Structure formats: C-alpha cells, structure tokens
Amino acid sequence: MVLGKDKKADLKELRKQLGSSALSFASEQRLEKYLMLSKGSVSPLGIINDTNREVEVAFDVELTTKEILGIHPNDNTATVLLSFADLKKVIEINGNTIKYVTV
C-alpha cells in the first residue's frame, strides 16, 4: 500500500476495497522473501526485487494527481523524486499488478 506520509491506512476498509482476505503489515521474513528489503527500508521501488511478480501494489488514488512524489530508493536515508507516471511505469515494466484505493 502506497499512500501519502500524512495518511493512515484502515486495513479493514482497504480489505473491502481490494476484495482481499485479512490484511496486515508484512513480517520481516516476508519483506526479505518477496522484496529483499528489511523493516524500515520498504519503498514502492522495492518491487524491482520481486522477480516472481507476486506482490500487488495498491496506491491511494490521491497520489495519481501528484506531479512529484518523494520515494525512498530502498534505503530510508535518501529520497528520490519521481512523477507518479514514472513510478507506475517501473511497476508495470516489472510486471506487478497495480490497484487503486481511496484512503
């Protein structure tokens, strides 16, 4: 789930919107297995490590209207600026599913 820094995700509501089973934050083991990332360094750019394309990416629909997004490049000590269109393109090129929700 990708959302703005000032928003909080209601997992029960997101579950309804996504039509999924119960949602929770990924364990450190799952972060490592699917994205090769550690807790605290998760970023939408981590999707490039999902070579089996098992992770679905959900965006808060509000992000689609932002010209520039500040994203950690899988290291929370740095930030890169990308357009939403470019971030979406990275995910699409990697072959992952993208969904949109209202947070």
PDB file of N, CA and C in Angstrom:
ATOM      1  N   MET A   1       0.840  -1.166   0.000  1.00  0.00           N
ATOM      2  CA  MET A   1       0.000   0.000   0.000  1.00  0.00           C
ATOM      3  C   MET A   1       0.882   1.225   0.000  1.00  0.00           C
ATOM      4  N   VAL A   2       0.665   2.083  -0.981  1.00  0.00           N
ATOM      5  CA  VAL A   2       1.438   3.313  -1.081  1.00  0.00           C
ATOM      6  C   VAL A   2       0.477   4.472  -0.844  1.00  0.00           C
ATOM      7  N   LEU A   3       0.795   5.269   0.161  1.00  0.00           N
ATOM      8  CA  LEU A   3      -0.042   6.422   0.474  1.00  0.00           C
ATOM      9  C   LEU A   3       0.824   7.556   0.961  1.00  0.00           C
ATOM     10  N   GLY A   4       0.254   8.751   0.985  1.00  0.00           N
ATOM     11  CA  GLY A   4       0.978   9.930   1.422  1.00  0.00           C
ATOM     12  C   GLY A   4       1.413   9.826   2.873  1.00  0.00           C
ATOM     13  N   LYS A   5       2.472  10.545   3.219  1.00  0.00           N
ATOM     14  CA  LYS A   5       3.069  10.446   4.555  1.00  0.00           C
ATOM     15  C   LYS A   5       2.144  10.886   5.671  1.00  0.00           C
ATOM     16  N   ASP A   6       1.142  11.675   5.374  1.00  0.00           N
ATOM     17  CA  ASP A   6       0.233  12.167   6.405  1.00  0.00           C
ATOM     18  C   ASP A   6      -1.047  11.349   6.528  1.00  0.00           C
ATOM     19  N   LYS A   7      -1.122  10.226   5.853  1.00  0.00           N
ATOM     20  CA  LYS A   7      -2.323   9.390   5.904  1.00  0.00           C
ATOM     21  C   LYS A   7      -2.056   8.108   6.665  1.00  0.00           C
ATOM     22  N   LYS A   8      -3.128   7.537   7.201  1.00  0.00           N
ATOM     23  CA  LYS A   8      -3.053   6.242   7.882  1.00  0.00           C
ATOM     24  C   LYS A   8      -4.006   5.289   7.182  1.00  0.00           C
ATOM     25  N   ALA A   9      -3.562   4.068   7.023  1.00  0.00           N
ATOM     26  CA  ALA A   9      -4.364   3.061   6.336  1.00  0.00           C
ATOM     27  C   ALA A   9      -5.283   2.344   7.316  1.00  0.00           C
ATOM     28  N   ASP A  10      -6.554   2.267   6.980  1.00  0.00           N
ATOM     29  CA  ASP A  10      -7.526   1.459   7.727  1.00  0.00           C
ATOM     30  C   ASP A  10      -7.557   0.107   7.016  1.00  0.00           C
ATOM     31  N   LEU A  11      -6.900  -0.884   7.601  1.00  0.00           N
ATOM     32  CA  LEU A  11      -6.733  -2.170   6.919  1.00  0.00           C
ATOM     33  C   LEU A  11      -8.057  -2.872   6.644  1.00  0.00           C
ATOM     34  N   LYS A  12      -9.033  -2.705   7.521  1.00  0.00           N
ATOM     35  CA  LYS A  12     -10.338  -3.335   7.284  1.00  0.00           C
ATOM     36  C   LYS A  12     -11.022  -2.702   6.069  1.00  0.00           C
ATOM     37  N   GLU A  13     -10.938  -1.383   5.957  1.00  0.00           N
ATOM     38  CA  GLU A  13     -11.538  -0.692   4.809  1.00  0.00           C
ATOM     39  C   GLU A  13     -10.793  -1.048   3.522  1.00  0.00           C
ATOM     40  N   LEU A  14      -9.482  -1.103   3.582  1.00  0.00           N
ATOM     41  CA  LEU A  14      -8.696  -1.470   2.399  1.00  0.00           C
ATOM     42  C   LEU A  14      -9.028  -2.885   1.954  1.00  0.00           C
ATOM     43  N   ARG A  15      -9.216  -3.765   2.910  1.00  0.00           N
ATOM     44  CA  ARG A  15      -9.590  -5.146   2.589  1.00  0.00           C
ATOM     45  C   ARG A  15     -10.864  -5.166   1.747  1.00  0.00           C
ATOM     46  N   LYS A  16     -11.850  -4.370   2.146  1.00  0.00           N
ATOM     47  CA  LYS A  16     -13.107  -4.302   1.388  1.00  0.00           C
ATOM     48  C   LYS A  16     -12.859  -3.791  -0.022  1.00  0.00           C
ATOM     49  N   GLN A  17     -12.110  -2.705  -0.138  1.00  0.00           N
ATOM     50  CA  GLN A  17     -11.860  -2.111  -1.452  1.00  0.00           C
ATOM     51  C   GLN A  17     -11.080  -3.048  -2.377  1.00  0.00           C
ATOM     52  N   LEU A  18     -10.176  -3.796  -1.794  1.00  0.00           N
ATOM     53  CA  LEU A  18      -9.337  -4.696  -2.597  1.00  0.00           C
ATOM     54  C   LEU A  18      -9.972  -6.066  -2.802  1.00  0.00           C
ATOM     55  N   GLY A  19     -11.035  -6.353  -2.034  1.00  0.00           N
ATOM     56  CA  GLY A  19     -11.662  -7.668  -2.138  1.00  0.00           C
ATOM     57  C   GLY A  19     -10.712  -8.771  -1.706  1.00  0.00           C
ATOM     58  N   SER A  20      -9.961  -8.506  -0.648  1.00  0.00           N
ATOM     59  CA  SER A  20      -8.944  -9.468  -0.224  1.00  0.00           C
ATOM     60  C   SER A  20      -9.283 -10.064   1.135  1.00  0.00           C
ATOM     61  N   SER A  21      -8.468 -11.014   1.527  1.00  0.00           N
ATOM     62  CA  SER A  21      -8.583 -11.568   2.870  1.00  0.00           C
ATOM     63  C   SER A  21      -7.972 -10.566   3.842  1.00  0.00           C
ATOM     64  N   ALA A  22      -7.892 -10.936   5.091  1.00  0.00           N
ATOM     65  CA  ALA A  22      -7.360 -10.033   6.111  1.00  0.00           C
ATOM     66  C   ALA A  22      -5.994  -9.480   5.708  1.00  0.00           C
ATOM     67  N   LEU A  23      -5.796  -8.207   5.973  1.00  0.00           N
ATOM     68  CA  LEU A  23      -4.531  -7.552   5.653  1.00  0.00           C
ATOM     69  C   LEU A  23      -3.760  -7.281   6.934  1.00  0.00           C
ATOM     70  N   SER A  24      -2.442  -7.292   6.816  1.00  0.00           N
ATOM     71  CA  SER A  24      -1.579  -6.919   7.934  1.00  0.00           C
ATOM     72  C   SER A  24      -0.267  -6.419   7.346  1.00  0.00           C
ATOM     73  N   PHE A  25       0.531  -5.803   8.189  1.00  0.00           N
ATOM     74  CA  PHE A  25       1.846  -5.377   7.727  1.00  0.00           C
ATOM     75  C   PHE A  25       2.722  -6.614   7.574  1.00  0.00           C
ATOM     76  N   ALA A  26       3.562  -6.614   6.570  1.00  0.00           N
ATOM     77  CA  ALA A  26       4.404  -7.777   6.282  1.00  0.00           C
ATOM     78  C   ALA A  26       5.439  -7.992   7.387  1.00  0.00           C
ATOM     79  N   SER A  27       5.666  -9.254   7.694  1.00  0.00           N
ATOM     80  CA  SER A  27       6.716  -9.600   8.655  1.00  0.00           C
ATOM     81  C   SER A  27       8.077  -9.357   8.010  1.00  0.00           C
ATOM     82  N   GLU A  28       9.091  -9.302   8.843  1.00  0.00           N
ATOM     83  CA  GLU A  28      10.441  -9.114   8.313  1.00  0.00           C
ATOM     84  C   GLU A  28      10.820 -10.254   7.367  1.00  0.00           C
ATOM     85  N   GLN A  29      10.334 -11.469   7.673  1.00  0.00           N
ATOM     86  CA  GLN A  29      10.637 -12.623   6.815  1.00  0.00           C
ATOM     87  C   GLN A  29       9.994 -12.453   5.434  1.00  0.00           C
ATOM     88  N   ARG A  30       8.757 -11.989   5.402  1.00  0.00           N
ATOM     89  CA  ARG A  30       8.094 -11.791   4.106  1.00  0.00           C
ATOM     90  C   ARG A  30       8.724 -10.647   3.326  1.00  0.00           C
ATOM     91  N   LEU A  31       9.097  -9.579   4.003  1.00  0.00           N
ATOM     92  CA  LEU A  31       9.772  -8.473   3.318  1.00  0.00           C
ATOM     93  C   LEU A  31      11.040  -8.961   2.637  1.00  0.00           C
ATOM     94  N   GLU A  32      11.788  -9.777   3.345  1.00  0.00           N
ATOM     95  CA  GLU A  32      13.026 -10.324   2.789  1.00  0.00           C
ATOM     96  C   GLU A  32      12.721 -11.282   1.634  1.00  0.00           C
ATOM     97  N   LYS A  33      11.750 -12.169   1.821  1.00  0.00           N
ATOM     98  CA  LYS A  33      11.427 -13.183   0.811  1.00  0.00           C
ATOM     99  C   LYS A  33      10.950 -12.565  -0.500  1.00  0.00           C
ATOM    100  N   TYR A  34      10.017 -11.618  -0.422  1.00  0.00           N
ATOM    101  CA  TYR A  34       9.389 -11.099  -1.634  1.00  0.00           C
ATOM    102  C   TYR A  34      10.066  -9.857  -2.208  1.00  0.00           C
ATOM    103  N   LEU A  35      10.631  -9.011  -1.342  1.00  0.00           N
ATOM    104  CA  LEU A  35      11.187  -7.747  -1.829  1.00  0.00           C
ATOM    105  C   LEU A  35      12.669  -7.570  -1.522  1.00  0.00           C
ATOM    106  N   MET A  36      13.255  -8.537  -0.804  1.00  0.00           N
ATOM    107  CA  MET A  36      14.656  -8.444  -0.397  1.00  0.00           C
ATOM    108  C   MET A  36      14.936  -7.125   0.319  1.00  0.00           C
ATOM    109  N   LEU A  37      13.983  -6.715   1.171  1.00  0.00           N
ATOM    110  CA  LEU A  37      14.116  -5.484   1.941  1.00  0.00           C
ATOM    111  C   LEU A  37      13.976  -5.787   3.421  1.00  0.00           C
ATOM    112  N   SER A  38      14.505  -4.900   4.229  1.00  0.00           N
ATOM    113  CA  SER A  38      14.363  -5.046   5.674  1.00  0.00           C
ATOM    114  C   SER A  38      13.363  -4.018   6.195  1.00  0.00           C
ATOM    115  N   LYS A  39      12.851  -4.285   7.368  1.00  0.00           N
ATOM    116  CA  LYS A  39      11.913  -3.379   8.015  1.00  0.00           C
ATOM    117  C   LYS A  39      12.535  -1.978   8.077  1.00  0.00           C
ATOM    118  N   GLY A  40      11.756  -0.974   7.726  1.00  0.00           N
ATOM    119  CA  GLY A  40      12.252   0.402   7.747  1.00  0.00           C
ATOM    120  C   GLY A  40      12.795   0.884   6.416  1.00  0.00           C
ATOM    121  N   SER A  41      12.983  -0.016   5.472  1.00  0.00           N
ATOM    122  CA  SER A  41      13.513   0.397   4.167  1.00  0.00           C
ATOM    123  C   SER A  41      12.546   0.083   3.030  1.00  0.00           C
ATOM    124  N   VAL A  42      11.304  -0.213   3.367  1.00  0.00           N
ATOM    125  CA  VAL A  42      10.320  -0.577   2.351  1.00  0.00           C
ATOM    126  C   VAL A  42       9.920   0.650   1.548  1.00  0.00           C
ATOM    127  N   SER A  43       9.835   0.466   0.265  1.00  0.00           N
ATOM    128  CA  SER A  43       9.537   1.529  -0.674  1.00  0.00           C
ATOM    129  C   SER A  43       8.831   0.915  -1.881  1.00  0.00           C
ATOM    130  N   PRO A  44       8.026   1.691  -2.596  1.00  0.00           N
ATOM    131  CA  PRO A  44       7.425   1.135  -3.809  1.00  0.00           C
ATOM    132  C   PRO A  44       8.476   0.698  -4.828  1.00  0.00           C
ATOM    133  N   LEU A  45       9.668   1.266  -4.751  1.00  0.00           N
ATOM    134  CA  LEU A  45      10.724   0.846  -5.675  1.00  0.00           C
ATOM    135  C   LEU A  45      11.262  -0.547  -5.352  1.00  0.00           C
ATOM    136  N   GLY A  46      10.933  -1.057  -4.165  1.00  0.00           N
ATOM    137  CA  GLY A  46      11.337  -2.412  -3.800  1.00  0.00           C
ATOM    138  C   GLY A  46      10.727  -3.457  -4.713  1.00  0.00           C
ATOM    139  N   ILE A  47       9.716  -3.076  -5.441  1.00  0.00           N
ATOM    140  CA  ILE A  47       9.034  -4.000  -6.347  1.00  0.00           C
ATOM    141  C   ILE A  47       9.991  -4.567  -7.396  1.00  0.00           C
ATOM    142  N   ILE A  48      11.048  -3.829  -7.700  1.00  0.00           N
ATOM    143  CA  ILE A  48      12.006  -4.327  -8.697  1.00  0.00           C
ATOM    144  C   ILE A  48      12.690  -5.605  -8.241  1.00  0.00           C
ATOM    145  N   ASN A  49      12.651  -5.889  -6.937  1.00  0.00           N
ATOM    146  CA  ASN A  49      13.240  -7.123  -6.420  1.00  0.00           C
ATOM    147  C   ASN A  49      12.277  -8.302  -6.470  1.00  0.00           C
ATOM    148  N   ASP A  50      11.030  -8.055  -6.820  1.00  0.00           N
ATOM    149  CA  ASP A  50      10.013  -9.111  -6.874  1.00  0.00           C
ATOM    150  C   ASP A  50      10.057  -9.774  -8.258  1.00  0.00           C
ATOM    151  N   THR A  51      11.042 -10.619  -8.449  1.00  0.00           N
ATOM    152  CA  THR A  51      11.245 -11.229  -9.763  1.00  0.00           C
ATOM    153  C   THR A  51      10.140 -12.208 -10.144  1.00  0.00           C
ATOM    154  N   ASN A  52       9.415 -12.736  -9.159  1.00  0.00           N
ATOM    155  CA  ASN A  52       8.313 -13.652  -9.447  1.00  0.00           C
ATOM    156  C   ASN A  52       6.974 -12.941  -9.601  1.00  0.00           C
ATOM    157  N   ARG A  53       6.989 -11.643  -9.457  1.00  0.00           N
ATOM    158  CA  ARG A  53       5.783 -10.809  -9.633  1.00  0.00           C
ATOM    159  C   ARG A  53       4.629 -11.274  -8.735  1.00  0.00           C
ATOM    160  N   GLU A  54       4.944 -11.494  -7.471  1.00  0.00           N
ATOM    161  CA  GLU A  54       3.945 -11.995  -6.527  1.00  0.00           C
ATOM    162  C   GLU A  54       3.268 -10.883  -5.721  1.00  0.00           C
ATOM    163  N   VAL A  55       3.857  -9.717  -5.692  1.00  0.00           N
ATOM    164  CA  VAL A  55       3.349  -8.619  -4.875  1.00  0.00           C
ATOM    165  C   VAL A  55       2.453  -7.708  -5.713  1.00  0.00           C
ATOM    166  N   GLU A  56       1.254  -7.434  -5.189  1.00  0.00           N
ATOM    167  CA  GLU A  56       0.367  -6.449  -5.807  1.00  0.00           C
ATOM    168  C   GLU A  56       0.638  -5.109  -5.142  1.00  0.00           C
ATOM    169  N   VAL A  57       0.652  -4.060  -5.927  1.00  0.00           N
ATOM    170  CA  VAL A  57       0.885  -2.725  -5.397  1.00  0.00           C
ATOM    171  C   VAL A  57      -0.430  -1.957  -5.421  1.00  0.00           C
ATOM    172  N   ALA A  58      -0.812  -1.438  -4.259  1.00  0.00           N
ATOM    173  CA  ALA A  58      -2.032  -0.637  -4.155  1.00  0.00           C
ATOM    174  C   ALA A  58      -1.635   0.799  -3.863  1.00  0.00           C
ATOM    175  N   PHE A  59      -2.168   1.715  -4.641  1.00  0.00           N
ATOM    176  CA  PHE A  59      -1.918   3.143  -4.467  1.00  0.00           C
ATOM    177  C   PHE A  59      -3.168   3.828  -3.962  1.00  0.00           C
ATOM    178  N   ASP A  60      -2.987   4.772  -3.053  1.00  0.00           N
ATOM    179  CA  ASP A  60      -4.061   5.692  -2.725  1.00  0.00           C
ATOM    180  C   ASP A  60      -4.309   6.502  -3.996  1.00  0.00           C
ATOM    181  N   VAL A  61      -5.536   6.544  -4.436  1.00  0.00           N
ATOM    182  CA  VAL A  61      -5.868   7.211  -5.697  1.00  0.00           C
ATOM    183  C   VAL A  61      -5.441   8.679  -5.692  1.00  0.00           C
ATOM    184  N   GLU A  62      -5.355   9.276  -4.527  1.00  0.00           N
ATOM    185  CA  GLU A  62      -4.930  10.678  -4.439  1.00  0.00           C
ATOM    186  C   GLU A  62      -3.511  10.892  -4.983  1.00  0.00           C
ATOM    187  N   LEU A  63      -2.674   9.880  -4.893  1.00  0.00           N
ATOM    188  CA  LEU A  63      -1.296  10.006  -5.384  1.00  0.00           C
ATOM    189  C   LEU A  63      -1.232  10.168  -6.894  1.00  0.00           C
ATOM    190  N   THR A  64      -2.248   9.708  -7.591  1.00  0.00           N
ATOM    191  CA  THR A  64      -2.232   9.791  -9.057  1.00  0.00           C
ATOM    192  C   THR A  64      -2.299  11.233  -9.545  1.00  0.00           C
ATOM    193  N   THR A  65      -2.701  12.155  -8.682  1.00  0.00           N
ATOM    194  CA  THR A  65      -2.803  13.571  -9.076  1.00  0.00           C
ATOM    195  C   THR A  65      -1.547  14.359  -8.735  1.00  0.00           C
ATOM    196  N   LYS A  66      -0.602  13.735  -8.068  1.00  0.00           N
ATOM    197  CA  LYS A  66       0.628  14.425  -7.663  1.00  0.00           C
ATOM    198  C   LYS A  66       1.636  14.421  -8.803  1.00  0.00           C
ATOM    199  N   GLU A  67       2.193  15.585  -9.070  1.00  0.00           N
ATOM    200  CA  GLU A  67       3.195  15.665 -10.132  1.00  0.00           C
ATOM    201  C   GLU A  67       4.505  15.007  -9.719  1.00  0.00           C
ATOM    202  N   ILE A  68       4.894  15.207  -8.460  1.00  0.00           N
ATOM    203  CA  ILE A  68       6.160  14.666  -7.971  1.00  0.00           C
ATOM    204  C   ILE A  68       5.931  13.949  -6.644  1.00  0.00           C
ATOM    205  N   LEU A  69       6.530  12.779  -6.524  1.00  0.00           N
ATOM    206  CA  LEU A  69       6.486  12.003  -5.288  1.00  0.00           C
ATOM    207  C   LEU A  69       7.909  11.823  -4.766  1.00  0.00           C
ATOM    208  N   GLY A  70       8.080  11.960  -3.465  1.00  0.00           N
ATOM    209  CA  GLY A  70       9.367  11.658  -2.843  1.00  0.00           C
ATOM    210  C   GLY A  70       9.356  10.213  -2.391  1.00  0.00           C
ATOM    211  N   ILE A  71      10.255   9.412  -2.921  1.00  0.00           N
ATOM    212  CA  ILE A  71      10.289   7.968  -2.668  1.00  0.00           C
ATOM    213  C   ILE A  71      11.672   7.582  -2.150  1.00  0.00           C
ATOM    214  N   HIS A  72      11.713   6.747  -1.115  1.00  0.00           N
ATOM    215  CA  HIS A  72      12.992   6.201  -0.665  1.00  0.00           C
ATOM    216  C   HIS A  72      13.453   5.157  -1.678  1.00  0.00           C
ATOM    217  N   PRO A  73      14.700   5.217  -2.087  1.00  0.00           N
ATOM    218  CA  PRO A  73      15.219   4.227  -3.046  1.00  0.00           C
ATOM    219  C   PRO A  73      15.679   2.942  -2.349  1.00  0.00           C
ATOM    220  N   ASN A  74      14.770   2.353  -1.554  1.00  0.00           N
ATOM    221  CA  ASN A  74      15.043   1.128  -0.790  1.00  0.00           C
ATOM    222  C   ASN A  74      16.112   1.351   0.274  1.00  0.00           C
ATOM    223  N   ASP A  75      16.265   2.586   0.671  1.00  0.00           N
ATOM    224  CA  ASP A  75      17.194   2.994   1.726  1.00  0.00           C
ATOM    225  C   ASP A  75      16.578   4.242   2.338  1.00  0.00           C
ATOM    226  N   ASN A  76      16.196   4.163   3.614  1.00  0.00           N
ATOM    227  CA  ASN A  76      15.455   5.278   4.190  1.00  0.00           C
ATOM    228  C   ASN A  76      16.313   6.484   4.562  1.00  0.00           C
ATOM    229  N   THR A  77      17.560   6.498   4.130  1.00  0.00           N
ATOM    230  CA  THR A  77      18.406   7.662   4.372  1.00  0.00           C
ATOM    231  C   THR A  77      18.495   8.568   3.153  1.00  0.00           C
ATOM    232  N   ALA A  78      17.769   8.221   2.103  1.00  0.00           N
ATOM    233  CA  ALA A  78      17.792   9.018   0.874  1.00  0.00           C
ATOM    234  C   ALA A  78      16.387   9.097   0.291  1.00  0.00           C
ATOM    235  N   THR A  79      16.176  10.077  -0.562  1.00  0.00           N
ATOM    236  CA  THR A  79      14.895  10.246  -1.240  1.00  0.00           C
ATOM    237  C   THR A  79      15.154  10.607  -2.697  1.00  0.00           C
ATOM    238  N   VAL A  80      14.381  10.000  -3.586  1.00  0.00           N
ATOM    239  CA  VAL A  80      14.416  10.379  -5.000  1.00  0.00           C
ATOM    240  C   VAL A  80      13.052  10.965  -5.343  1.00  0.00           C
ATOM    241  N   LEU A  81      13.043  11.867  -6.289  1.00  0.00           N
ATOM    242  CA  LEU A  81      11.796  12.482  -6.738  1.00  0.00           C
ATOM    243  C   LEU A  81      11.408  11.884  -8.074  1.00  0.00           C
ATOM    244  N   LEU A  82      10.177  11.386  -8.143  1.00  0.00           N
ATOM    245  CA  LEU A  82       9.655  10.772  -9.363  1.00  0.00           C
ATOM    246  C   LEU A  82       8.245  11.278  -9.606  1.00  0.00           C
ATOM    247  N   SER A  83       7.859  11.300 -10.846  1.00  0.00           N
ATOM    248  CA  SER A  83       6.455  11.565 -11.142  1.00  0.00           C
ATOM    249  C   SER A  83       5.674  10.281 -10.850  1.00  0.00           C
ATOM    250  N   PHE A  84       4.381  10.428 -10.602  1.00  0.00           N
ATOM    251  CA  PHE A  84       3.568   9.228 -10.407  1.00  0.00           C
ATOM    252  C   PHE A  84       3.641   8.353 -11.659  1.00  0.00           C
ATOM    253  N   ALA A  85       3.605   8.977 -12.826  1.00  0.00           N
ATOM    254  CA  ALA A  85       3.646   8.218 -14.084  1.00  0.00           C
ATOM    255  C   ALA A  85       4.911   7.373 -14.188  1.00  0.00           C
ATOM    256  N   ASP A  86       6.045   7.924 -13.776  1.00  0.00           N
ATOM    257  CA  ASP A  86       7.292   7.161 -13.834  1.00  0.00           C
ATOM    258  C   ASP A  86       7.304   6.016 -12.827  1.00  0.00           C
ATOM    259  N   LEU A  87       6.793   6.254 -11.621  1.00  0.00           N
ATOM    260  CA  LEU A  87       6.716   5.185 -10.628  1.00  0.00           C
ATOM    261  C   LEU A  87       5.804   4.072 -11.126  1.00  0.00           C
ATOM    262  N   LYS A  88       4.680   4.443 -11.671  1.00  0.00           N
ATOM    263  CA  LYS A  88       3.741   3.455 -12.218  1.00  0.00           C
ATOM    264  C   LYS A  88       4.412   2.645 -13.335  1.00  0.00           C
ATOM    265  N   LYS A  89       5.177   3.323 -14.176  1.00  0.00           N
ATOM    266  CA  LYS A  89       5.859   2.649 -15.280  1.00  0.00           C
ATOM    267  C   LYS A  89       6.866   1.610 -14.761  1.00  0.00           C
ATOM    268  N   VAL A  90       7.589   1.941 -13.701  1.00  0.00           N
ATOM    269  CA  VAL A  90       8.544   0.992 -13.109  1.00  0.00           C
ATOM    270  C   VAL A  90       7.816  -0.278 -12.673  1.00  0.00           C
ATOM    271  N   ILE A  91       6.685  -0.097 -12.024  1.00  0.00           N
ATOM    272  CA  ILE A  91       5.924  -1.249 -11.529  1.00  0.00           C
ATOM    273  C   ILE A  91       5.359  -2.062 -12.693  1.00  0.00           C
ATOM    274  N   GLU A  92       4.836  -1.380 -13.690  1.00  0.00           N
ATOM    275  CA  GLU A  92       4.286  -2.079 -14.862  1.00  0.00           C
ATOM    276  C   GLU A  92       5.369  -2.839 -15.620  1.00  0.00           C
ATOM    277  N   ILE A  93       6.519  -2.219 -15.802  1.00  0.00           N
ATOM    278  CA  ILE A  93       7.622  -2.887 -16.504  1.00  0.00           C
ATOM    279  C   ILE A  93       8.065  -4.131 -15.738  1.00  0.00           C
ATOM    280  N   ASN A  94       8.012  -4.055 -14.398  1.00  0.00           N
ATOM    281  CA  ASN A  94       8.378  -5.216 -13.591  1.00  0.00           C
ATOM    282  C   ASN A  94       7.335  -6.330 -13.690  1.00  0.00           C
ATOM    283  N   GLY A  95       6.115  -5.984 -14.117  1.00  0.00           N
ATOM    284  CA  GLY A  95       5.076  -6.994 -14.313  1.00  0.00           C
ATOM    285  C   GLY A  95       4.150  -7.212 -13.136  1.00  0.00           C
ATOM    286  N   ASN A  96       4.169  -6.311 -12.167  1.00  0.00           N
ATOM    287  CA  ASN A  96       3.304  -6.447 -10.999  1.00  0.00           C
ATOM    288  C   ASN A  96       1.947  -5.805 -11.247  1.00  0.00           C
ATOM    289  N   THR A  97       0.932  -6.310 -10.536  1.00  0.00           N
ATOM    290  CA  THR A  97      -0.413  -5.779 -10.609  1.00  0.00           C
ATOM    291  C   THR A  97      -0.513  -4.487  -9.795  1.00  0.00           C
ATOM    292  N   ILE A  98      -1.221  -3.509 -10.327  1.00  0.00           N
ATOM    293  CA  ILE A  98      -1.462  -2.255  -9.632  1.00  0.00           C
ATOM    294  C   ILE A  98      -2.953  -2.114  -9.384  1.00  0.00           C
ATOM    295  N   LYS A  99      -3.294  -1.715  -8.158  1.00  0.00           N
ATOM    296  CA  LYS A  99      -4.684  -1.433  -7.801  1.00  0.00           C
ATOM    297  C   LYS A  99      -4.743  -0.047  -7.177  1.00  0.00           C
ATOM    298  N   TYR A 100      -5.934   0.518  -7.181  1.00  0.00           N
ATOM    299  CA  TYR A 100      -6.137   1.854  -6.621  1.00  0.00           C
ATOM    300  C   TYR A 100      -7.229   1.800  -5.565  1.00  0.00           C
ATOM    301  N   VAL A 101      -6.987   2.496  -4.455  1.00  0.00           N
ATOM    302  CA  VAL A 101      -7.932   2.543  -3.355  1.00  0.00           C
ATOM    303  C   VAL A 101      -8.068   3.991  -2.882  1.00  0.00           C
ATOM    304  N   THR A 102      -9.124   4.245  -2.137  1.00  0.00           N
ATOM    305  CA  THR A 102      -9.311   5.545  -1.527  1.00  0.00           C
ATOM    306  C   THR A 102      -9.001   5.420  -0.044  1.00  0.00           C
ATOM    307  N   VAL A 103      -8.010   6.190   0.411  1.00  0.00           N
ATOM    308  CA  VAL A 103      -7.617   6.139   1.816  1.00  0.00           C
ATOM    309  C   VAL A 103      -8.155   7.382   2.503  1.00  0.00           C
TER     310      VAL A 103
END
